[in-house]
Amino acid sequence: MEWDDDFLENVADPVDKGPETLLMHGQIISAVERLPEAQRVVMLLVAVEGLSYQETADVLEVPIGTVMSRLSRARQAVGALFGTPDPKPRVSATRKDSIA
């Protein structure tokens, strides 16, 4: 591929500090702040500090399963605030729309 200066103008800035990015970051921070403390701490240790699940469990002196469940609930709560659909479709016990 030949170098094209015009192409460079269309590439997104990886360190964008535009108003949309700042708004999104503020919304994420607000959503994390709303989490219960136990979930917030786990999310920050794993997502921000980069600790493994086992390292997080060791720091908090809880079982690794507790870390995993708190992180899962935290992710679901933050996702719900942003309208992220539940990845597991709910199956109805009875199907009223089926043709017999």
N, C-alpha and C. Protein backbone atom coordinates (compact mmCIF):
# COMPACT_ATOMS: atom_id res chain seq x y z
N MET A 1 0.85 -1.18 0.00
CA MET A 1 0.00 0.00 0.00
C MET A 1 0.88 1.24 0.00
N GLU A 2 0.57 2.17 -0.84
CA GLU A 2 1.31 3.41 -0.92
C GLU A 2 0.85 4.37 0.17
N TRP A 3 1.77 5.18 0.65
CA TRP A 3 1.45 6.18 1.68
C TRP A 3 0.56 7.26 1.08
N ASP A 4 -0.47 7.62 1.80
CA ASP A 4 -1.41 8.63 1.33
C ASP A 4 -1.74 9.55 2.50
N ASP A 5 -1.29 10.80 2.42
CA ASP A 5 -1.53 11.77 3.50
C ASP A 5 -3.02 12.02 3.72
N ASP A 6 -3.82 11.93 2.66
CA ASP A 6 -5.26 12.12 2.81
C ASP A 6 -5.88 11.02 3.66
N PHE A 7 -5.34 9.80 3.53
CA PHE A 7 -5.84 8.68 4.32
C PHE A 7 -5.62 8.94 5.82
N LEU A 8 -4.51 9.53 6.17
CA LEU A 8 -4.17 9.79 7.56
C LEU A 8 -5.20 10.71 8.22
N GLU A 9 -5.79 11.62 7.46
CA GLU A 9 -6.79 12.53 8.00
C GLU A 9 -8.07 11.80 8.42
N ASN A 10 -8.30 10.60 7.88
CA ASN A 10 -9.51 9.84 8.18
C ASN A 10 -9.33 8.82 9.31
N VAL A 11 -8.13 8.67 9.81
CA VAL A 11 -7.86 7.72 10.87
C VAL A 11 -8.20 8.36 12.21
N ALA A 12 -8.93 7.61 13.04
CA ALA A 12 -9.33 8.14 14.35
C ALA A 12 -8.11 8.34 15.24
N ASP A 13 -8.16 9.38 16.03
CA ASP A 13 -7.09 9.68 16.98
C ASP A 13 -7.20 8.72 18.16
N PRO A 14 -6.16 7.90 18.43
CA PRO A 14 -6.25 6.93 19.52
C PRO A 14 -6.30 7.56 20.91
N VAL A 15 -5.92 8.81 21.02
CA VAL A 15 -5.97 9.51 22.32
C VAL A 15 -7.00 10.63 22.26
N ASP A 16 -8.11 10.34 21.61
CA ASP A 16 -9.18 11.31 21.44
C ASP A 16 -9.68 11.82 22.78
N LYS A 17 -9.72 13.12 22.94
CA LYS A 17 -10.27 13.74 24.15
C LYS A 17 -11.46 14.62 23.78
N GLY A 18 -12.18 14.19 22.74
CA GLY A 18 -13.34 14.95 22.29
C GLY A 18 -14.48 14.88 23.29
N PRO A 19 -15.49 15.69 23.10
CA PRO A 19 -16.61 15.74 24.03
C PRO A 19 -17.35 14.41 24.16
N GLU A 20 -17.48 13.67 23.06
CA GLU A 20 -18.17 12.38 23.14
C GLU A 20 -17.40 11.40 24.02
N THR A 21 -16.09 11.37 23.85
CA THR A 21 -15.25 10.47 24.64
C THR A 21 -15.29 10.85 26.11
N LEU A 22 -15.20 12.13 26.39
CA LEU A 22 -15.24 12.58 27.78
C LEU A 22 -16.59 12.27 28.42
N LEU A 23 -17.66 12.44 27.67
CA LEU A 23 -19.00 12.12 28.18
C LEU A 23 -19.11 10.63 28.48
N MET A 24 -18.64 9.80 27.56
CA MET A 24 -18.70 8.36 27.75
C MET A 24 -17.89 7.94 28.99
N HIS A 25 -16.70 8.49 29.14
CA HIS A 25 -15.88 8.17 30.31
C HIS A 25 -16.59 8.57 31.60
N GLY A 26 -17.22 9.73 31.59
CA GLY A 26 -17.96 10.17 32.77
C GLY A 26 -19.12 9.25 33.10
N GLN A 27 -19.80 8.77 32.07
CA GLN A 27 -20.92 7.84 32.28
C GLN A 27 -20.43 6.51 32.84
N ILE A 28 -19.30 6.03 32.36
CA ILE A 28 -18.75 4.78 32.87
C ILE A 28 -18.35 4.93 34.32
N ILE A 29 -17.68 6.01 34.65
CA ILE A 29 -17.27 6.25 36.03
C ILE A 29 -18.49 6.35 36.94
N SER A 30 -19.51 7.03 36.49
CA SER A 30 -20.74 7.16 37.27
C SER A 30 -21.39 5.79 37.50
N ALA A 31 -21.42 4.96 36.46
CA ALA A 31 -22.01 3.63 36.58
C ALA A 31 -21.24 2.77 37.58
N VAL A 32 -19.91 2.84 37.53
CA VAL A 32 -19.09 2.06 38.46
C VAL A 32 -19.26 2.57 39.89
N GLU A 33 -19.40 3.88 40.04
CA GLU A 33 -19.60 4.44 41.39
C GLU A 33 -20.91 3.99 42.01
N ARG A 34 -21.90 3.64 41.20
CA ARG A 34 -23.21 3.20 41.70
C ARG A 34 -23.21 1.76 42.18
N LEU A 35 -22.18 1.01 41.84
CA LEU A 35 -22.12 -0.40 42.23
C LEU A 35 -21.97 -0.53 43.74
N PRO A 36 -22.47 -1.63 44.31
CA PRO A 36 -22.18 -1.91 45.71
C PRO A 36 -20.67 -2.01 45.90
N GLU A 37 -20.18 -1.63 47.06
CA GLU A 37 -18.74 -1.55 47.29
C GLU A 37 -18.01 -2.85 46.94
N ALA A 38 -18.54 -3.99 47.33
CA ALA A 38 -17.86 -5.27 47.08
C ALA A 38 -17.68 -5.50 45.57
N GLN A 39 -18.70 -5.18 44.78
CA GLN A 39 -18.60 -5.34 43.33
C GLN A 39 -17.67 -4.30 42.73
N ARG A 40 -17.75 -3.07 43.21
CA ARG A 40 -16.91 -2.00 42.69
C ARG A 40 -15.44 -2.31 42.91
N VAL A 41 -15.09 -2.78 44.10
CA VAL A 41 -13.69 -3.07 44.43
C VAL A 41 -13.16 -4.17 43.51
N VAL A 42 -13.94 -5.23 43.33
CA VAL A 42 -13.51 -6.32 42.46
C VAL A 42 -13.33 -5.82 41.03
N MET A 43 -14.28 -5.04 40.53
CA MET A 43 -14.18 -4.54 39.17
C MET A 43 -12.93 -3.66 39.00
N LEU A 44 -12.66 -2.81 39.95
CA LEU A 44 -11.50 -1.93 39.84
C LEU A 44 -10.19 -2.72 39.91
N LEU A 45 -10.13 -3.72 40.79
CA LEU A 45 -8.91 -4.51 40.90
C LEU A 45 -8.63 -5.30 39.62
N VAL A 46 -9.68 -5.86 39.02
CA VAL A 46 -9.50 -6.67 37.82
C VAL A 46 -9.36 -5.80 36.58
N ALA A 47 -10.31 -4.89 36.37
CA ALA A 47 -10.36 -4.12 35.12
C ALA A 47 -9.37 -2.97 35.06
N VAL A 48 -9.16 -2.31 36.19
CA VAL A 48 -8.28 -1.13 36.18
C VAL A 48 -6.85 -1.49 36.59
N GLU A 49 -6.73 -2.21 37.69
CA GLU A 49 -5.40 -2.56 38.19
C GLU A 49 -4.78 -3.73 37.45
N GLY A 50 -5.61 -4.52 36.75
CA GLY A 50 -5.09 -5.62 35.96
C GLY A 50 -4.76 -6.88 36.75
N LEU A 51 -5.29 -7.00 37.96
CA LEU A 51 -5.03 -8.19 38.74
C LEU A 51 -5.81 -9.38 38.17
N SER A 52 -5.25 -10.56 38.32
CA SER A 52 -5.96 -11.77 37.92
C SER A 52 -7.05 -12.05 38.94
N TYR A 53 -7.94 -12.98 38.62
CA TYR A 53 -8.98 -13.34 39.57
C TYR A 53 -8.35 -13.87 40.86
N GLN A 54 -7.31 -14.70 40.72
CA GLN A 54 -6.67 -15.28 41.90
C GLN A 54 -5.98 -14.20 42.73
N GLU A 55 -5.29 -13.26 42.07
CA GLU A 55 -4.65 -12.17 42.81
C GLU A 55 -5.68 -11.32 43.54
N THR A 56 -6.80 -11.06 42.89
CA THR A 56 -7.87 -10.29 43.52
C THR A 56 -8.42 -11.04 44.72
N ALA A 57 -8.62 -12.35 44.58
CA ALA A 57 -9.10 -13.17 45.69
C ALA A 57 -8.11 -13.12 46.86
N ASP A 58 -6.84 -13.18 46.56
CA ASP A 58 -5.81 -13.13 47.61
C ASP A 58 -5.81 -11.78 48.32
N VAL A 59 -5.91 -10.70 47.56
CA VAL A 59 -5.91 -9.36 48.15
C VAL A 59 -7.12 -9.17 49.06
N LEU A 60 -8.28 -9.63 48.60
CA LEU A 60 -9.52 -9.44 49.36
C LEU A 60 -9.77 -10.54 50.39
N GLU A 61 -8.93 -11.57 50.34
CA GLU A 61 -9.07 -12.71 51.24
C GLU A 61 -10.45 -13.35 51.15
N VAL A 62 -10.86 -13.59 49.90
CA VAL A 62 -12.13 -14.27 49.61
C VAL A 62 -11.84 -15.37 48.60
N PRO A 63 -12.74 -16.36 48.47
CA PRO A 63 -12.55 -17.40 47.45
C PRO A 63 -12.62 -16.82 46.04
N ILE A 64 -11.94 -17.48 45.11
CA ILE A 64 -11.94 -17.01 43.73
C ILE A 64 -13.35 -17.00 43.14
N GLY A 65 -14.19 -17.93 43.56
CA GLY A 65 -15.58 -17.96 43.09
C GLY A 65 -16.34 -16.71 43.48
N THR A 66 -16.02 -16.16 44.64
CA THR A 66 -16.65 -14.91 45.09
C THR A 66 -16.23 -13.77 44.19
N VAL A 67 -14.96 -13.74 43.82
CA VAL A 67 -14.47 -12.71 42.90
C VAL A 67 -15.20 -12.82 41.57
N MET A 68 -15.32 -14.04 41.07
CA MET A 68 -15.97 -14.24 39.77
C MET A 68 -17.44 -13.83 39.79
N SER A 69 -18.15 -14.18 40.87
CA SER A 69 -19.57 -13.83 40.92
C SER A 69 -19.77 -12.32 41.10
N ARG A 70 -18.92 -11.69 41.92
CA ARG A 70 -19.04 -10.23 42.10
C ARG A 70 -18.74 -9.50 40.80
N LEU A 71 -17.72 -9.96 40.10
CA LEU A 71 -17.36 -9.33 38.83
C LEU A 71 -18.48 -9.51 37.80
N SER A 72 -19.06 -10.70 37.77
CA SER A 72 -20.16 -10.95 36.84
C SER A 72 -21.35 -10.04 37.13
N ARG A 73 -21.70 -9.92 38.41
CA ARG A 73 -22.82 -9.04 38.78
C ARG A 73 -22.51 -7.58 38.47
N ALA A 74 -21.27 -7.18 38.70
CA ALA A 74 -20.87 -5.80 38.41
C ALA A 74 -20.98 -5.51 36.92
N ARG A 75 -20.49 -6.43 36.11
CA ARG A 75 -20.57 -6.24 34.66
C ARG A 75 -22.01 -6.18 34.19
N GLN A 76 -22.86 -7.04 34.74
CA GLN A 76 -24.28 -7.03 34.36
C GLN A 76 -24.93 -5.71 34.76
N ALA A 77 -24.61 -5.20 35.94
CA ALA A 77 -25.20 -3.95 36.42
C ALA A 77 -24.77 -2.77 35.55
N VAL A 78 -23.49 -2.70 35.24
CA VAL A 78 -23.00 -1.61 34.39
C VAL A 78 -23.59 -1.75 32.99
N GLY A 79 -23.63 -2.95 32.47
CA GLY A 79 -24.23 -3.18 31.15
C GLY A 79 -25.69 -2.78 31.10
N ALA A 80 -26.42 -3.06 32.18
CA ALA A 80 -27.84 -2.70 32.23
C ALA A 80 -28.03 -1.20 32.20
N LEU A 81 -27.12 -0.46 32.80
CA LEU A 81 -27.22 1.00 32.78
C LEU A 81 -27.00 1.57 31.39
N PHE A 82 -26.27 0.83 30.56
CA PHE A 82 -26.01 1.28 29.20
C PHE A 82 -26.92 0.60 28.19
N GLY A 83 -27.89 -0.16 28.67
CA GLY A 83 -28.84 -0.80 27.78
C GLY A 83 -28.29 -1.99 27.05
N THR A 84 -27.21 -2.60 27.56
CA THR A 84 -26.67 -3.79 26.93
C THR A 84 -27.62 -4.95 27.20
N PRO A 85 -28.09 -5.63 26.16
CA PRO A 85 -29.03 -6.72 26.37
C PRO A 85 -28.36 -7.90 27.07
N ASP A 86 -29.18 -8.64 27.82
CA ASP A 86 -28.72 -9.84 28.50
C ASP A 86 -28.30 -10.84 27.44
N PRO A 87 -27.06 -11.38 27.52
CA PRO A 87 -26.60 -12.30 26.48
C PRO A 87 -27.34 -13.63 26.48
N LYS A 88 -28.02 -13.97 27.57
CA LYS A 88 -28.76 -15.23 27.64
C LYS A 88 -30.23 -14.95 27.37
N PRO A 89 -30.76 -15.41 26.25
CA PRO A 89 -32.17 -15.17 25.97
C PRO A 89 -33.04 -15.94 26.95
N ARG A 90 -34.10 -15.29 27.37
CA ARG A 90 -35.04 -15.93 28.30
C ARG A 90 -36.02 -16.76 27.49
N VAL A 91 -36.22 -17.99 27.90
CA VAL A 91 -37.15 -18.87 27.20
C VAL A 91 -38.44 -18.92 27.99
N SER A 92 -39.52 -18.67 27.31
CA SER A 92 -40.84 -18.70 27.93
C SER A 92 -41.25 -20.14 28.18
N ALA A 93 -41.93 -20.38 29.31
CA ALA A 93 -42.39 -21.73 29.66
C ALA A 93 -43.45 -22.20 28.68
N THR A 94 -44.29 -21.30 28.21
CA THR A 94 -45.32 -21.67 27.24
C THR A 94 -45.20 -20.75 26.05
N ARG A 95 -45.43 -21.30 24.89
CA ARG A 95 -45.36 -20.50 23.67
C ARG A 95 -46.77 -20.28 23.17
N LYS A 96 -47.23 -19.05 23.31
CA LYS A 96 -48.58 -18.73 22.87
C LYS A 96 -48.63 -18.44 21.37
N ASP A 97 -47.46 -18.19 20.76
CA ASP A 97 -47.46 -17.83 19.36
C ASP A 97 -47.28 -19.04 18.45
N SER A 98 -47.18 -20.24 19.02
CA SER A 98 -46.99 -21.41 18.17
C SER A 98 -48.33 -21.88 17.59
N ILE A 99 -48.24 -22.46 16.45
CA ILE A 99 -49.44 -22.95 15.78
C ILE A 99 -49.52 -24.46 16.04
N ALA A 100 -50.65 -24.91 16.56
CA ALA A 100 -50.81 -26.33 16.89
C ALA A 100 -51.37 -27.09 15.74
